[in-house]
């Protein structure tokens, strides 16, 4: 399971999600497969993710991050990905 954060080209909007297939889910965001927040705000860049062994822990973490202030999420991203690069470009199959 993965908890991830997507952003737009200007890094101004953030979306926190959870999935069991990170490569597939990010591809769906990038291709606007599901209409919604990420599609509306062009959140096509994966800038952060965490890996979990169990679904419950991942969902709890997602809920926690969704409640965090944007400043907290930005700090978390910058610690792991200082340049805010699109991590999808370097992902290899993680499963």
C-alpha atoms as a PDB file:
ATOM      1  CA  UNK A   1       0.000   0.000   0.000  1.00  0.00           C
ATOM      2  CA  UNK A   2       1.124   3.512  -0.775  1.00  0.00           C
ATOM      3  CA  UNK A   3       0.276   6.959   0.525  1.00  0.00           C
ATOM      4  CA  UNK A   4       1.202   9.613  -2.000  1.00  0.00           C
ATOM      5  CA  UNK A   5       1.047  13.331  -2.728  1.00  0.00           C
ATOM      6  CA  UNK A   6       0.370  14.827  -6.149  1.00  0.00           C
ATOM      7  CA  UNK A   7       0.827  18.464  -7.139  1.00  0.00           C
ATOM      8  CA  UNK A   8       0.573  20.702 -10.197  1.00  0.00           C
ATOM      9  CA  UNK A   9       3.358  22.204 -12.325  1.00  0.00           C
ATOM     10  CA  UNK A  10       3.646  25.226 -10.008  1.00  0.00           C
ATOM     11  CA  UNK A  11       3.511  23.155  -6.787  1.00  0.00           C
ATOM     12  CA  UNK A  12       0.591  25.229  -5.519  1.00  0.00           C
ATOM     13  CA  UNK A  13      -2.084  22.580  -4.902  1.00  0.00           C
ATOM     14  CA  UNK A  14      -1.614  19.274  -3.108  1.00  0.00           C
ATOM     15  CA  UNK A  15      -3.597  16.045  -3.115  1.00  0.00           C
ATOM     16  CA  UNK A  16      -3.051  13.158  -0.698  1.00  0.00           C
ATOM     17  CA  UNK A  17      -4.171   9.696  -1.759  1.00  0.00           C
ATOM     18  CA  UNK A  18      -3.795   6.006  -0.959  1.00  0.00           C
ATOM     19  CA  UNK A  19      -3.521   3.084  -3.368  1.00  0.00           C
ATOM     20  CA  UNK A  20      -2.331  -0.491  -3.683  1.00  0.00           C
ATOM     21  CA  UNK A  21      -0.779   0.187  -7.117  1.00  0.00           C
ATOM     22  CA  UNK A  22       1.165   3.455  -7.211  1.00  0.00           C
ATOM     23  CA  UNK A  23       2.295   3.271 -10.836  1.00  0.00           C
ATOM     24  CA  UNK A  24      -1.236   2.616 -12.102  1.00  0.00           C
ATOM     25  CA  UNK A  25      -2.856   5.244  -9.880  1.00  0.00           C
ATOM     26  CA  UNK A  26      -0.395   8.011 -10.765  1.00  0.00           C
ATOM     27  CA  UNK A  27      -0.821   7.135 -14.445  1.00  0.00           C
ATOM     28  CA  UNK A  28      -4.584   7.574 -13.972  1.00  0.00           C
ATOM     29  CA  UNK A  29      -4.028  11.014 -12.387  1.00  0.00           C
ATOM     30  CA  UNK A  30      -1.647  12.061 -15.177  1.00  0.00           C
ATOM     31  CA  UNK A  31      -4.161  11.025 -17.827  1.00  0.00           C
ATOM     32  CA  UNK A  32      -7.241  12.488 -16.061  1.00  0.00           C
ATOM     33  CA  UNK A  33      -8.965   9.100 -16.060  1.00  0.00           C
ATOM     34  CA  UNK A  34     -11.155  10.003 -13.056  1.00  0.00           C
ATOM     35  CA  UNK A  35     -12.769  13.421 -13.018  1.00  0.00           C
ATOM     36  CA  UNK A  36     -12.335  15.228  -9.719  1.00  0.00           C
ATOM     37  CA  UNK A  37      -9.927  17.374  -7.739  1.00  0.00           C
ATOM     38  CA  UNK A  38      -6.702  16.165  -9.354  1.00  0.00           C
ATOM     39  CA  UNK A  39      -8.165  16.546 -12.833  1.00  0.00           C
ATOM     40  CA  UNK A  40      -9.680  19.971 -12.134  1.00  0.00           C
ATOM     41  CA  UNK A  41      -6.439  21.381 -10.700  1.00  0.00           C
ATOM     42  CA  UNK A  42      -4.036  19.557 -13.076  1.00  0.00           C
ATOM     43  CA  UNK A  43      -2.330  17.618 -10.306  1.00  0.00           C
ATOM     44  CA  UNK A  44      -0.177  15.431 -12.507  1.00  0.00           C
ATOM     45  CA  UNK A  45       3.121  15.377 -10.625  1.00  0.00           C
ATOM     46  CA  UNK A  46       3.962  12.739  -7.996  1.00  0.00           C
ATOM     47  CA  UNK A  47       6.208  14.449  -5.444  1.00  0.00           C
ATOM     48  CA  UNK A  48       5.973  12.179  -2.391  1.00  0.00           C
ATOM     49  CA  UNK A  49       5.067   8.651  -1.385  1.00  0.00           C
ATOM     50  CA  UNK A  50       5.346   6.243   1.527  1.00  0.00           C
ATOM     51  CA  UNK A  51       5.136   2.444   1.444  1.00  0.00           C
ATOM     52  CA  UNK A  52       3.053   0.411   3.924  1.00  0.00           C
ATOM     53  CA  UNK A  53       2.631  -3.314   4.416  1.00  0.00           C
ATOM     54  CA  UNK A  54      -0.971  -3.151   5.559  1.00  0.00           C
ATOM     55  CA  UNK A  55      -4.003  -1.308   4.287  1.00  0.00           C
ATOM     56  CA  UNK A  56      -5.266  -0.043   7.651  1.00  0.00           C
ATOM     57  CA  UNK A  57      -1.999   1.721   8.503  1.00  0.00           C
ATOM     58  CA  UNK A  58      -1.854   3.319   5.058  1.00  0.00           C
ATOM     59  CA  UNK A  59      -5.436   4.580   5.311  1.00  0.00           C
ATOM     60  CA  UNK A  60      -4.795   5.994   8.776  1.00  0.00           C
ATOM     61  CA  UNK A  61      -1.704   7.811   7.486  1.00  0.00           C
ATOM     62  CA  UNK A  62      -3.650   9.185   4.494  1.00  0.00           C
ATOM     63  CA  UNK A  63      -6.371  10.536   6.794  1.00  0.00           C
ATOM     64  CA  UNK A  64      -3.741  12.113   9.050  1.00  0.00           C
ATOM     65  CA  UNK A  65      -1.942  13.818   6.143  1.00  0.00           C
ATOM     66  CA  UNK A  66      -5.205  15.089   4.661  1.00  0.00           C
ATOM     67  CA  UNK A  67      -5.851  16.917   7.950  1.00  0.00           C
ATOM     68  CA  UNK A  68      -2.363  18.450   8.100  1.00  0.00           C
ATOM     69  CA  UNK A  69      -1.699  22.025   7.134  1.00  0.00           C
ATOM     70  CA  UNK A  70      -0.227  22.596   3.686  1.00  0.00           C
ATOM     71  CA  UNK A  71       2.962  23.867   5.364  1.00  0.00           C
ATOM     72  CA  UNK A  72       3.427  20.480   7.066  1.00  0.00           C
ATOM     73  CA  UNK A  73       2.907  18.581   3.810  1.00  0.00           C
ATOM     74  CA  UNK A  74       5.339  20.873   1.970  1.00  0.00           C
ATOM     75  CA  UNK A  75       7.981  20.248   4.643  1.00  0.00           C
ATOM     76  CA  UNK A  76       7.490  16.490   4.334  1.00  0.00           C
ATOM     77  CA  UNK A  77       7.860  16.654   0.542  1.00  0.00           C
ATOM     78  CA  UNK A  78      10.939  18.887   0.686  1.00  0.00           C
ATOM     79  CA  UNK A  79      12.681  16.550   3.146  1.00  0.00           C
ATOM     80  CA  UNK A  80      12.337  13.586   0.757  1.00  0.00           C
ATOM     81  CA  UNK A  81      12.313  15.394  -2.577  1.00  0.00           C
ATOM     82  CA  UNK A  82      14.015  18.825  -2.237  1.00  0.00           C
ATOM     83  CA  UNK A  83      13.631  19.757  -5.919  1.00  0.00           C
ATOM     84  CA  UNK A  84       9.997  18.582  -6.040  1.00  0.00           C
ATOM     85  CA  UNK A  85      10.829  16.390  -9.024  1.00  0.00           C
ATOM     86  CA  UNK A  86       8.170  14.175 -10.554  1.00  0.00           C
ATOM     87  CA  UNK A  87       8.934  10.817  -8.923  1.00  0.00           C
ATOM     88  CA  UNK A  88       6.805   8.990 -11.477  1.00  0.00           C
ATOM     89  CA  UNK A  89       9.606   9.519 -13.984  1.00  0.00           C
ATOM     90  CA  UNK A  90      11.963   7.366 -11.908  1.00  0.00           C
ATOM     91  CA  UNK A  91       9.526   4.772 -10.546  1.00  0.00           C
ATOM     92  CA  UNK A  92      10.172   1.163 -11.321  1.00  0.00           C
ATOM     93  CA  UNK A  93       7.557  -1.461 -10.578  1.00  0.00           C
ATOM     94  CA  UNK A  94       7.425  -1.429  -6.783  1.00  0.00           C
ATOM     95  CA  UNK A  95       5.316  -4.544  -6.278  1.00  0.00           C
END
